PDB file of N, CA and C in Angstrom:
ATOM      1  N   LEU A   1     120.168  92.301 101.226  1.00  0.00           N
ATOM      2  CA  LEU A   1     119.056  92.526 100.528  1.00  0.00           C
ATOM      3  C   LEU A   1     118.531  91.058 100.050  1.00  0.00           C
ATOM      4  N   VAL A   2     117.318  90.691 100.381  1.00  0.00           N
ATOM      5  CA  VAL A   2     117.121  89.167  99.924  1.00  0.00           C
ATOM      6  C   VAL A   2     115.582  89.216  99.314  1.00  0.00           C
ATOM      7  N   ALA A   3     115.600  88.654  98.059  1.00  0.00           N
ATOM      8  CA  ALA A   3     114.244  88.728  97.240  1.00  0.00           C
ATOM      9  C   ALA A   3     113.935  87.172  96.521  1.00  0.00           C
ATOM     10  N   SER A   4     112.819  86.872  96.460  1.00  0.00           N
ATOM     11  CA  SER A   4     112.547  85.794  95.712  1.00  0.00           C
ATOM     12  C   SER A   4     111.106  86.076  94.732  1.00  0.00           C
ATOM     13  N   GLY A   5     111.267  85.110  93.963  1.00  0.00           N
ATOM     14  CA  GLY A   5     110.190  85.160  92.711  1.00  0.00           C
ATOM     15  C   GLY A   5     110.487  84.201  91.646  1.00  0.00           C
ATOM     16  N   SER A   6     109.820  84.328  90.524  1.00  0.00           N
ATOM     17  CA  SER A   6     110.105  83.462  89.438  1.00  0.00           C
ATOM     18  C   SER A   6     110.426  84.234  88.165  1.00  0.00           C
ATOM     19  N   ASP A   7     110.566  85.389  88.171  1.00  0.00           N
ATOM     20  CA  ASP A   7     111.079  86.099  87.195  1.00  0.00           C
ATOM     21  C   ASP A   7     112.530  86.993  87.490  1.00  0.00           C
ATOM     22  N   PRO A   8     113.462  86.324  87.040  1.00  0.00           N
ATOM     23  CA  PRO A   8     115.089  86.742  87.582  1.00  0.00           C
ATOM     24  C   PRO A   8     114.946  88.162  86.999  1.00  0.00           C
ATOM     25  N   TYR A   9     114.589  88.574  85.994  1.00  0.00           N
ATOM     26  CA  TYR A   9     114.821  89.953  85.456  1.00  0.00           C
ATOM     27  C   TYR A   9     114.228  91.152  86.443  1.00  0.00           C
ATOM     28  N   LEU A  10     112.931  90.681  86.835  1.00  0.00           N
ATOM     29  CA  LEU A  10     112.208  91.454  87.488  1.00  0.00           C
ATOM     30  C   LEU A  10     112.588  91.567  88.999  1.00  0.00           C
ATOM     31  N   LEU A  11     113.410  90.621  89.409  1.00  0.00           N
ATOM     32  CA  LEU A  11     114.121  90.380  90.880  1.00  0.00           C
ATOM     33  C   LEU A  11     115.441  91.473  90.683  1.00  0.00           C
ATOM     34  N   LEU A  12     116.198  91.269  89.669  1.00  0.00           N
ATOM     35  CA  LEU A  12     117.220  92.100  89.404  1.00  0.00           C
ATOM     36  C   LEU A  12     116.777  93.722  89.224  1.00  0.00           C
ATOM     37  N   GLU A  13     115.881  94.044  88.495  1.00  0.00           N
ATOM     38  CA  GLU A  13     115.281  95.585  88.270  1.00  0.00           C
ATOM     39  C   GLU A  13     114.911  95.884  89.748  1.00  0.00           C
ATOM     40  N   ARG A  14     114.118  95.064  90.424  1.00  0.00           N
ATOM     41  CA  ARG A  14     113.646  95.540  91.851  1.00  0.00           C
ATOM     42  C   ARG A  14     114.943  95.626  92.831  1.00  0.00           C
ATOM     43  N   ALA A  15     115.852  94.640  92.715  1.00  0.00           N
ATOM     44  CA  ALA A  15     117.110  94.870  93.600  1.00  0.00           C
ATOM     45  C   ALA A  15     117.959  96.063  93.187  1.00  0.00           C
ATOM     46  N   PHE A  16     118.168  96.153  92.251  1.00  0.00           N
ATOM     47  CA  PHE A  16     118.981  97.486  91.826  1.00  0.00           C
ATOM     48  C   PHE A  16     118.405  98.770  92.004  1.00  0.00           C
ATOM     49  N   ALA A  17     116.942  98.784  91.976  1.00  0.00           N
ATOM     50  CA  ALA A  17     116.414  99.986  92.347  1.00  0.00           C
ATOM     51  C   ALA A  17     116.453 100.137  93.993  1.00  0.00           C
ATOM     52  N   ALA A  18     116.321  99.138  94.743  1.00  0.00           N
ATOM     53  CA  ALA A  18     116.485  99.163  96.062  1.00  0.00           C
ATOM     54  C   ALA A  18     117.829  99.618  96.498  1.00  0.00           C
ATOM     55  N   VAL A  19     118.886  99.063  95.810  1.00  0.00           N
ATOM     56  CA  VAL A  19     120.183  99.568  96.350  1.00  0.00           C
ATOM     57  C   VAL A  19     120.478 101.139  95.832  1.00  0.00           C
ATOM     58  N   ALA A  20     119.799 101.461  94.478  1.00  0.00           N
ATOM     59  CA  ALA A  20     120.020 102.570  94.265  1.00  0.00           C
ATOM     60  C   ALA A  20     119.389 103.481  95.276  1.00  0.00           C
ATOM     61  N   ASP A  21     118.093 103.387  95.634  1.00  0.00           N
ATOM     62  CA  ASP A  21     117.638 104.148  96.792  1.00  0.00           C
ATOM     63  C   ASP A  21     118.172 104.300  98.130  1.00  0.00           C
ATOM     64  N   ARG A  22     118.788 103.148  98.422  1.00  0.00           N
ATOM     65  CA  ARG A  22     119.485 103.176  99.561  1.00  0.00           C
ATOM     66  C   ARG A  22     120.428 103.860  99.785  1.00  0.00           C
ATOM     67  N   THR A  23     121.148 103.839  98.678  1.00  0.00           N
ATOM     68  CA  THR A  23     122.795 104.285  98.668  1.00  0.00           C
ATOM     69  C   THR A  23     122.658 105.430  97.998  1.00  0.00           C
ATOM     70  N   GLY A  24     121.715 105.978  97.199  1.00  0.00           N
ATOM     71  CA  GLY A  24     121.824 107.365  96.538  1.00  0.00           C
ATOM     72  C   GLY A  24     122.944 107.552  95.581  1.00  0.00           C
ATOM     73  N   THR A  25     123.654 106.558  95.143  1.00  0.00           N
ATOM     74  CA  THR A  25     124.927 106.936  94.341  1.00  0.00           C
ATOM     75  C   THR A  25     124.655 106.516  92.871  1.00  0.00           C
ATOM     76  N   PHE A  26     123.700 105.978  92.392  1.00  0.00           N
ATOM     77  CA  PHE A  26     123.608 105.947  91.060  1.00  0.00           C
ATOM     78  C   PHE A  26     121.778 105.754  90.804  1.00  0.00           C
ATOM     79  N   ARG A  27     121.527 105.781  89.612  1.00  0.00           N
ATOM     80  CA  ARG A  27     120.257 105.776  89.098  1.00  0.00           C
ATOM     81  C   ARG A  27     120.058 104.450  88.215  1.00  0.00           C
ATOM     82  N   VAL A  28     118.924 103.960  88.266  1.00  0.00           N
ATOM     83  CA  VAL A  28     118.752 102.896  87.417  1.00  0.00           C
ATOM     84  C   VAL A  28     118.440 102.958  85.878  1.00  0.00           C
ATOM     85  N   ARG A  29     118.741 101.822  85.081  1.00  0.00           N
ATOM     86  CA  ARG A  29     118.621 102.595  83.692  1.00  0.00           C
ATOM     87  C   ARG A  29     117.164 103.188  83.332  1.00  0.00           C
ATOM     88  N   LYS A  30     116.394 102.528  83.846  1.00  0.00           N
ATOM     89  CA  LYS A  30     114.963 103.222  83.406  1.00  0.00           C
ATOM     90  C   LYS A  30     114.813 104.513  83.628  1.00  0.00           C
ATOM     91  N   GLU A  31     115.396 104.942  84.553  1.00  0.00           N
ATOM     92  CA  GLU A  31     115.549 106.631  85.066  1.00  0.00           C
ATOM     93  C   GLU A  31     116.576 107.545  84.423  1.00  0.00           C
ATOM     94  N   LYS A  32     117.253 107.002  83.413  1.00  0.00           N
ATOM     95  CA  LYS A  32     118.350 107.627  82.793  1.00  0.00           C
ATOM     96  C   LYS A  32     117.800 107.930  81.393  1.00  0.00           C
ATOM     97  N   THR A  33     118.481 108.801  80.494  1.00  0.00           N
ATOM     98  CA  THR A  33     118.180 109.271  79.231  1.00  0.00           C
ATOM     99  C   THR A  33     119.116 108.279  78.321  1.00  0.00           C
ATOM    100  N   VAL A  34     118.619 107.634  77.224  1.00  0.00           N
ATOM    101  CA  VAL A  34     119.627 106.717  76.495  1.00  0.00           C
ATOM    102  C   VAL A  34     119.937 107.803  75.470  1.00  0.00           C
ATOM    103  N   PRO A  35     121.460 107.774  75.388  1.00  0.00           N
ATOM    104  CA  PRO A  35     122.259 108.868  74.486  1.00  0.00           C
ATOM    105  C   PRO A  35     122.019 108.068  72.890  1.00  0.00           C
ATOM    106  N   PRO A  36     121.553 109.123  72.110  1.00  0.00           N
ATOM    107  CA  PRO A  36     121.247 108.989  70.891  1.00  0.00           C
ATOM    108  C   PRO A  36     122.136 108.016  70.097  1.00  0.00           C
ATOM    109  N   ALA A  37     123.291 108.143  70.530  1.00  0.00           N
ATOM    110  CA  ALA A  37     124.365 107.134  69.564  1.00  0.00           C
ATOM    111  C   ALA A  37     124.291 105.865  70.012  1.00  0.00           C
ATOM    112  N   LEU A  38     123.622 105.503  70.956  1.00  0.00           N
ATOM    113  CA  LEU A  38     123.018 103.831  71.071  1.00  0.00           C
ATOM    114  C   LEU A  38     122.493 103.423  69.947  1.00  0.00           C
ATOM    115  N   ASN A  39     121.834 104.170  69.352  1.00  0.00           N
ATOM    116  CA  ASN A  39     120.896 103.775  68.173  1.00  0.00           C
ATOM    117  C   ASN A  39     121.752 103.322  66.855  1.00  0.00           C
ATOM    118  N   ASP A  40     122.926 104.022  67.051  1.00  0.00           N
ATOM    119  CA  ASP A  40     123.995 103.721  65.729  1.00  0.00           C
ATOM    120  C   ASP A  40     124.730 102.561  65.791  1.00  0.00           C
ATOM    121  N   PHE A  41     124.713 101.905  64.768  1.00  0.00           N
ATOM    122  CA  PHE A  41     125.583 100.798  64.825  1.00  0.00           C
ATOM    123  C   PHE A  41     127.286 101.168  64.687  1.00  0.00           C
ATOM    124  N   GLY A  42     128.065 100.656  65.346  1.00  0.00           N
ATOM    125  CA  GLY A  42     129.181 100.895  65.252  1.00  0.00           C
ATOM    126  C   GLY A  42     130.383  99.613  65.319  1.00  0.00           C
ATOM    127  N   TRP A  43     131.462  99.863  64.905  1.00  0.00           N
ATOM    128  CA  TRP A  43     132.674  98.753  64.957  1.00  0.00           C
ATOM    129  C   TRP A  43     133.835  98.944  65.604  1.00  0.00           C
ATOM    130  N   CYS A  44     133.965  97.939  66.673  1.00  0.00           N
ATOM    131  CA  CYS A  44     135.113  98.070  67.550  1.00  0.00           C
ATOM    132  C   CYS A  44     136.313  96.835  67.127  1.00  0.00           C
ATOM    133  N   THR A  45     137.390  97.822  66.839  1.00  0.00           N
ATOM    134  CA  THR A  45     138.249  96.712  66.053  1.00  0.00           C
ATOM    135  C   THR A  45     138.908  95.501  66.993  1.00  0.00           C
ATOM    136  N   TRP A  46     138.651  95.559  68.228  1.00  0.00           N
ATOM    137  CA  TRP A  46     139.310  94.457  69.267  1.00  0.00           C
ATOM    138  C   TRP A  46     138.867  92.881  69.009  1.00  0.00           C
ATOM    139  N   ASP A  47     137.669  92.835  68.375  1.00  0.00           N
ATOM    140  CA  ASP A  47     137.195  91.359  68.360  1.00  0.00           C
ATOM    141  C   ASP A  47     137.888  90.779  66.767  1.00  0.00           C
ATOM    142  N   ALA A  48     138.277  91.763  66.298  1.00  0.00           N
ATOM    143  CA  ALA A  48     138.783  91.291  64.883  1.00  0.00           C
ATOM    144  C   ALA A  48     140.088  91.161  64.862  1.00  0.00           C
ATOM    145  N   PHE A  49     140.801  92.015  65.511  1.00  0.00           N
ATOM    146  CA  PHE A  49     142.278  92.210  65.281  1.00  0.00           C
ATOM    147  C   PHE A  49     143.044  91.840  66.754  1.00  0.00           C
ATOM    148  N   TYR A  50     142.490  91.924  68.105  1.00  0.00           N
ATOM    149  CA  TYR A  50     142.877  92.055  69.055  1.00  0.00           C
ATOM    150  C   TYR A  50     144.181  93.443  69.041  1.00  0.00           C
ATOM    151  N   SER A  51     145.468  92.696  69.536  1.00  0.00           N
ATOM    152  CA  SER A  51     146.324  93.792  69.543  1.00  0.00           C
ATOM    153  C   SER A  51     147.174  93.850  68.329  1.00  0.00           C
ATOM    154  N   LYS A  52     146.566  93.494  67.153  1.00  0.00           N
ATOM    155  CA  LYS A  52     147.309  93.592  65.946  1.00  0.00           C
ATOM    156  C   LYS A  52     146.265  94.331  64.866  1.00  0.00           C
ATOM    157  N   VAL A  53     146.057  95.621  65.451  1.00  0.00           N
ATOM    158  CA  VAL A  53     145.321  96.356  64.290  1.00  0.00           C
ATOM    159  C   VAL A  53     146.304  97.007  63.372  1.00  0.00           C
ATOM    160  N   ASP A  54     145.651  97.050  62.092  1.00  0.00           N
ATOM    161  CA  ASP A  54     146.623  97.650  61.014  1.00  0.00           C
ATOM    162  C   ASP A  54     145.444  98.157  59.946  1.00  0.00           C
ATOM    163  N   PRO A  55     146.027  99.271  59.074  1.00  0.00           N
ATOM    164  CA  PRO A  55     145.265 100.051  58.511  1.00  0.00           C
ATOM    165  C   PRO A  55     144.374  99.295  57.292  1.00  0.00           C
ATOM    166  N   LYS A  56     144.968  98.239  56.794  1.00  0.00           N
ATOM    167  CA  LYS A  56     144.507  97.406  55.638  1.00  0.00           C
ATOM    168  C   LYS A  56     143.195  96.549  56.375  1.00  0.00           C
ATOM    169  N   GLY A  57     143.644  96.073  57.415  1.00  0.00           N
ATOM    170  CA  GLY A  57     142.396  95.233  57.752  1.00  0.00           C
ATOM    171  C   GLY A  57     141.358  96.257  58.362  1.00  0.00           C
ATOM    172  N   ILE A  58     141.653  97.302  58.801  1.00  0.00           N
ATOM    173  CA  ILE A  58     140.557  98.073  59.142  1.00  0.00           C
ATOM    174  C   ILE A  58     139.795  98.505  58.135  1.00  0.00           C
ATOM    175  N   LYS A  59     140.399  98.954  56.922  1.00  0.00           N
ATOM    176  CA  LYS A  59     139.811  99.274  55.693  1.00  0.00           C
ATOM    177  C   LYS A  59     138.827  98.242  54.983  1.00  0.00           C
ATOM    178  N   GLU A  60     139.562  97.069  54.893  1.00  0.00           N
ATOM    179  CA  GLU A  60     138.832  95.814  54.622  1.00  0.00           C
ATOM    180  C   GLU A  60     137.467  95.822  55.303  1.00  0.00           C
ATOM    181  N   GLY A  61     137.613  95.660  56.584  1.00  0.00           N
ATOM    182  CA  GLY A  61     136.644  95.347  57.803  1.00  0.00           C
ATOM    183  C   GLY A  61     135.487  96.351  57.560  1.00  0.00           C
ATOM    184  N   LEU A  62     135.902  97.639  57.075  1.00  0.00           N
ATOM    185  CA  LEU A  62     134.781  98.454  56.914  1.00  0.00           C
ATOM    186  C   LEU A  62     133.977  98.555  55.697  1.00  0.00           C
ATOM    187  N   GLU A  63     134.633  98.054  54.765  1.00  0.00           N
ATOM    188  CA  GLU A  63     134.464  97.641  53.359  1.00  0.00           C
ATOM    189  C   GLU A  63     133.143  96.566  53.324  1.00  0.00           C
ATOM    190  N   GLY A  64     133.860  95.516  54.111  1.00  0.00           N
ATOM    191  CA  GLY A  64     132.884  94.311  54.401  1.00  0.00           C
ATOM    192  C   GLY A  64     131.407  94.634  55.144  1.00  0.00           C
ATOM    193  N   LEU A  65     131.629  95.569  56.133  1.00  0.00           N
ATOM    194  CA  LEU A  65     130.126  95.874  56.449  1.00  0.00           C
ATOM    195  C   LEU A  65     129.446  96.464  55.800  1.00  0.00           C
ATOM    196  N   ILE A  66     129.910  97.425  55.021  1.00  0.00           N
ATOM    197  CA  ILE A  66     129.111  98.311  53.978  1.00  0.00           C
ATOM    198  C   ILE A  66     128.863  97.265  52.954  1.00  0.00           C
ATOM    199  N   LYS A  67     129.530  96.144  52.315  1.00  0.00           N
ATOM    200  CA  LYS A  67     129.138  95.328  51.470  1.00  0.00           C
ATOM    201  C   LYS A  67     127.976  94.596  52.051  1.00  0.00           C
ATOM    202  N   GLY A  68     128.009  94.333  53.113  1.00  0.00           N
ATOM    203  CA  GLY A  68     126.973  93.262  53.755  1.00  0.00           C
ATOM    204  C   GLY A  68     125.884  94.200  54.214  1.00  0.00           C
ATOM    205  N   GLY A  69     125.508  95.473  53.750  1.00  0.00           N
ATOM    206  CA  GLY A  69     124.634  96.261  54.240  1.00  0.00           C
ATOM    207  C   GLY A  69     124.340  96.907  55.674  1.00  0.00           C
ATOM    208  N   THR A  70     125.477  96.678  56.517  1.00  0.00           N
ATOM    209  CA  THR A  70     125.387  97.075  57.758  1.00  0.00           C
ATOM    210  C   THR A  70     126.730  98.120  58.142  1.00  0.00           C
ATOM    211  N   PRO A  71     126.704  99.139  57.172  1.00  0.00           N
ATOM    212  CA  PRO A  71     127.898 100.234  57.558  1.00  0.00           C
ATOM    213  C   PRO A  71     128.085 100.825  58.816  1.00  0.00           C
ATOM    214  N   ALA A  72     129.044 100.766  59.131  1.00  0.00           N
ATOM    215  CA  ALA A  72     129.425 101.433  60.698  1.00  0.00           C
ATOM    216  C   ALA A  72     129.263 102.897  60.555  1.00  0.00           C
ATOM    217  N   ARG A  73     128.587 103.384  61.541  1.00  0.00           N
ATOM    218  CA  ARG A  73     128.421 104.862  61.567  1.00  0.00           C
ATOM    219  C   ARG A  73     129.504 105.296  62.594  1.00  0.00           C
ATOM    220  N   PHE A  74     130.051 104.630  63.480  1.00  0.00           N
ATOM    221  CA  PHE A  74     131.391 105.171  64.218  1.00  0.00           C
ATOM    222  C   PHE A  74     132.352 103.854  64.215  1.00  0.00           C
ATOM    223  N   LEU A  75     133.676 104.187  64.408  1.00  0.00           N
ATOM    224  CA  LEU A  75     134.693 103.057  64.557  1.00  0.00           C
ATOM    225  C   LEU A  75     135.275 103.415  66.034  1.00  0.00           C
ATOM    226  N   ILE A  76     135.752 102.441  66.546  1.00  0.00           N
ATOM    227  CA  ILE A  76     136.402 101.997  67.805  1.00  0.00           C
ATOM    228  C   ILE A  76     137.824 101.569  67.381  1.00  0.00           C
ATOM    229  N   LEU A  77     138.894 102.503  67.568  1.00  0.00           N
ATOM    230  CA  LEU A  77     140.203 101.654  67.229  1.00  0.00           C
ATOM    231  C   LEU A  77     140.673 101.347  68.582  1.00  0.00           C
ATOM    232  N   ASP A  78     140.665  99.783  68.791  1.00  0.00           N
ATOM    233  CA  ASP A  78     141.136  99.307  70.218  1.00  0.00           C
ATOM    234  C   ASP A  78     142.137  98.429  69.882  1.00  0.00           C
ATOM    235  N   ASP A  79     143.587  98.561  70.297  1.00  0.00           N
ATOM    236  CA  ASP A  79     144.422  97.866  70.026  1.00  0.00           C
ATOM    237  C   ASP A  79     144.637  97.128  71.678  1.00  0.00           C
ATOM    238  N   GLY A  80     144.055  97.333  72.430  1.00  0.00           N
ATOM    239  CA  GLY A  80     144.358  96.851  73.813  1.00  0.00           C
ATOM    240  C   GLY A  80     144.681  97.956  74.663  1.00  0.00           C
ATOM    241  N   TRP A  81     144.016  98.101  76.081  1.00  0.00           N
ATOM    242  CA  TRP A  81     144.340  98.887  76.791  1.00  0.00           C
ATOM    243  C   TRP A  81     144.716  98.540  78.233  1.00  0.00           C
ATOM    244  N   GLN A  82     144.838  97.303  78.092  1.00  0.00           N
ATOM    245  CA  GLN A  82     145.679  96.902  79.336  1.00  0.00           C
ATOM    246  C   GLN A  82     146.584  95.871  79.040  1.00  0.00           C
ATOM    247  N   ALA A  83     147.717  95.433  79.941  1.00  0.00           N
ATOM    248  CA  ALA A  83     148.427  94.130  80.055  1.00  0.00           C
ATOM    249  C   ALA A  83     147.941  92.959  79.219  1.00  0.00           C
ATOM    250  N   THR A  84     148.590  92.254  78.368  1.00  0.00           N
ATOM    251  CA  THR A  84     147.911  91.193  77.724  1.00  0.00           C
ATOM    252  C   THR A  84     149.257  89.971  78.080  1.00  0.00           C
ATOM    253  N   ASP A  85     149.819  89.953  79.154  1.00  0.00           N
ATOM    254  CA  ASP A  85     150.558  89.138  79.935  1.00  0.00           C
ATOM    255  C   ASP A  85     150.008  87.500  79.969  1.00  0.00           C
ATOM    256  N   ASN A  86     148.665  87.877  80.403  1.00  0.00           N
ATOM    257  CA  ASN A  86     147.897  86.316  80.374  1.00  0.00           C
ATOM    258  C   ASN A  86     147.296  85.914  78.998  1.00  0.00           C
ATOM    259  N   ASP A  87     147.610  86.515  77.946  1.00  0.00           N
ATOM    260  CA  ASP A  87     147.003  86.296  76.672  1.00  0.00           C
ATOM    261  C   ASP A  87     147.929  86.357  75.663  1.00  0.00           C
ATOM    262  N   GLU A  88     149.066  85.598  75.658  1.00  0.00           N
ATOM    263  CA  GLU A  88     150.097  85.559  74.610  1.00  0.00           C
ATOM    264  C   GLU A  88     149.740  85.376  73.083  1.00  0.00           C
ATOM    265  N   ALA A  89     148.418  84.623  72.984  1.00  0.00           N
ATOM    266  CA  ALA A  89     148.253  84.250  71.791  1.00  0.00           C
ATOM    267  C   ALA A  89     147.793  85.424  70.867  1.00  0.00           C
ATOM    268  N   TYR A  90     147.179  86.409  71.794  1.00  0.00           N
ATOM    269  CA  TYR A  90     146.908  87.746  70.707  1.00  0.00           C
ATOM    270  C   TYR A  90     147.803  88.969  70.815  1.00  0.00           C
ATOM    271  N   ARG A  91     149.136  88.798  71.816  1.00  0.00           N
ATOM    272  CA  ARG A  91     149.981  89.980  71.757  1.00  0.00           C
ATOM    273  C   ARG A  91     150.837  89.979  70.627  1.00  0.00           C
ATOM    274  N   ALA A  92     151.030  91.044  70.028  1.00  0.00           N
ATOM    275  CA  ALA A  92     151.941  91.367  68.708  1.00  0.00           C
ATOM    276  C   ALA A  92     153.547  91.099  69.374  1.00  0.00           C
ATOM    277  N   LYS A  93     153.926  90.293  68.630  1.00  0.00           N
ATOM    278  CA  LYS A  93     155.504  89.907  69.179  1.00  0.00           C
ATOM    279  C   LYS A  93     156.306  91.001  68.205  1.00  0.00           C
ATOM    280  N   ASP A  94     155.771  91.291  67.027  1.00  0.00           N
ATOM    281  CA  ASP A  94     156.901  92.576  66.377  1.00  0.00           C
ATOM    282  C   ASP A  94     155.872  93.494  65.917  1.00  0.00           C
ATOM    283  N   ASP A  95     155.977  94.691  66.655  1.00  0.00           N
ATOM    284  CA  ASP A  95     155.125  95.792  66.739  1.00  0.00           C
ATOM    285  C   ASP A  95     155.484  96.693  65.597  1.00  0.00           C
ATOM    286  N   THR A  96     154.854  96.278  64.292  1.00  0.00           N
ATOM    287  CA  THR A  96     155.289  97.201  63.027  1.00  0.00           C
ATOM    288  C   THR A  96     154.204  98.240  62.818  1.00  0.00           C
ATOM    289  N   ARG A  97     153.571  98.573  63.631  1.00  0.00           N
ATOM    290  CA  ARG A  97     152.301  99.623  63.716  1.00  0.00           C
ATOM    291  C   ARG A  97     152.903 100.906  63.362  1.00  0.00           C
ATOM    292  N   SER A  98     152.105 101.886  62.346  1.00  0.00           N
ATOM    293  CA  SER A  98     152.581 103.058  62.179  1.00  0.00           C
ATOM    294  C   SER A  98     151.304 103.982  62.412  1.00  0.00           C
ATOM    295  N   GLU A  99     151.604 105.269  62.415  1.00  0.00           N
ATOM    296  CA  GLU A  99     150.607 106.075  62.580  1.00  0.00           C
ATOM    297  C   GLU A  99     149.978 106.131  61.225  1.00  0.00           C
ATOM    298  N   VAL A 100     148.436 106.337  61.218  1.00  0.00           N
ATOM    299  CA  VAL A 100     147.745 106.301  60.132  1.00  0.00           C
ATOM    300  C   VAL A 100     146.820 107.511  60.228  1.00  0.00           C
ATOM    301  N   GLY A 101     146.453 108.289  59.248  1.00  0.00           N
ATOM    302  CA  GLY A 101     145.551 109.180  59.146  1.00  0.00           C
ATOM    303  C   GLY A 101     144.381 108.964  58.784  1.00  0.00           C
ATOM    304  N   ALA A 102     143.067 109.851  59.152  1.00  0.00           N
ATOM    305  CA  ALA A 102     141.864 109.476  58.989  1.00  0.00           C
ATOM    306  C   ALA A 102     141.511 109.353  57.390  1.00  0.00           C
ATOM    307  N   GLU A 103     142.167 110.303  56.771  1.00  0.00           N
ATOM    308  CA  GLU A 103     142.158 110.266  55.125  1.00  0.00           C
ATOM    309  C   GLU A 103     142.746 109.104  54.495  1.00  0.00           C
ATOM    310  N   GLU A 104     143.516 108.275  55.185  1.00  0.00           N
ATOM    311  CA  GLU A 104     144.109 107.210  54.638  1.00  0.00           C
ATOM    312  C   GLU A 104     143.131 106.140  54.761  1.00  0.00           C
ATOM    313  N   LEU A 105     142.584 105.978  55.982  1.00  0.00           N
ATOM    314  CA  LEU A 105     141.613 104.932  56.375  1.00  0.00           C
ATOM    315  C   LEU A 105     140.472 105.244  55.607  1.00  0.00           C
ATOM    316  N   ALA A 106     140.167 106.491  55.382  1.00  0.00           N
ATOM    317  CA  ALA A 106     138.870 106.658  54.305  1.00  0.00           C
ATOM    318  C   ALA A 106     139.187 106.136  52.826  1.00  0.00           C
ATOM    319  N   GLY A 107     140.435 106.253  52.378  1.00  0.00           N
ATOM    320  CA  GLY A 107     140.970 105.727  51.326  1.00  0.00           C
ATOM    321  C   GLY A 107     141.410 106.937  50.349  1.00  0.00           C
ATOM    322  N   GLY A 108     141.791 108.056  51.018  1.00  0.00           N
ATOM    323  CA  GLY A 108     142.224 108.971  50.196  1.00  0.00           C
ATOM    324  C   GLY A 108     143.872 109.078  50.359  1.00  0.00           C
ATOM    325  N   GLY A 109     144.369 108.322  51.024  1.00  0.00           N
ATOM    326  CA  GLY A 109     145.540 108.629  51.267  1.00  0.00           C
ATOM    327  C   GLY A 109     146.528 107.522  50.771  1.00  0.00           C
TER     328      GLY A 109
END
């Protein structure tokens, strides 16, 4: 597939539509229904803590978002889902994490 034009966004939109039409394996974004959750603000702990997620930090982060006027409607607890062998700076050397319940995160425990 080769295309030319001055609007790179339009070129990509048309290219993806052409590939979707030819392969029949996916639909382009404008043909899909946007999930309602996409309109909610959420917070993922990865950028704040990398693999060193801890309950105190999560609670402080959520409180900071509330104080800043942007409370999170959902939370993604992410301490890494893949090997971090190539990212030593963010690997927890001494894994002292423990299980914490939702009640404790909410301040009740």
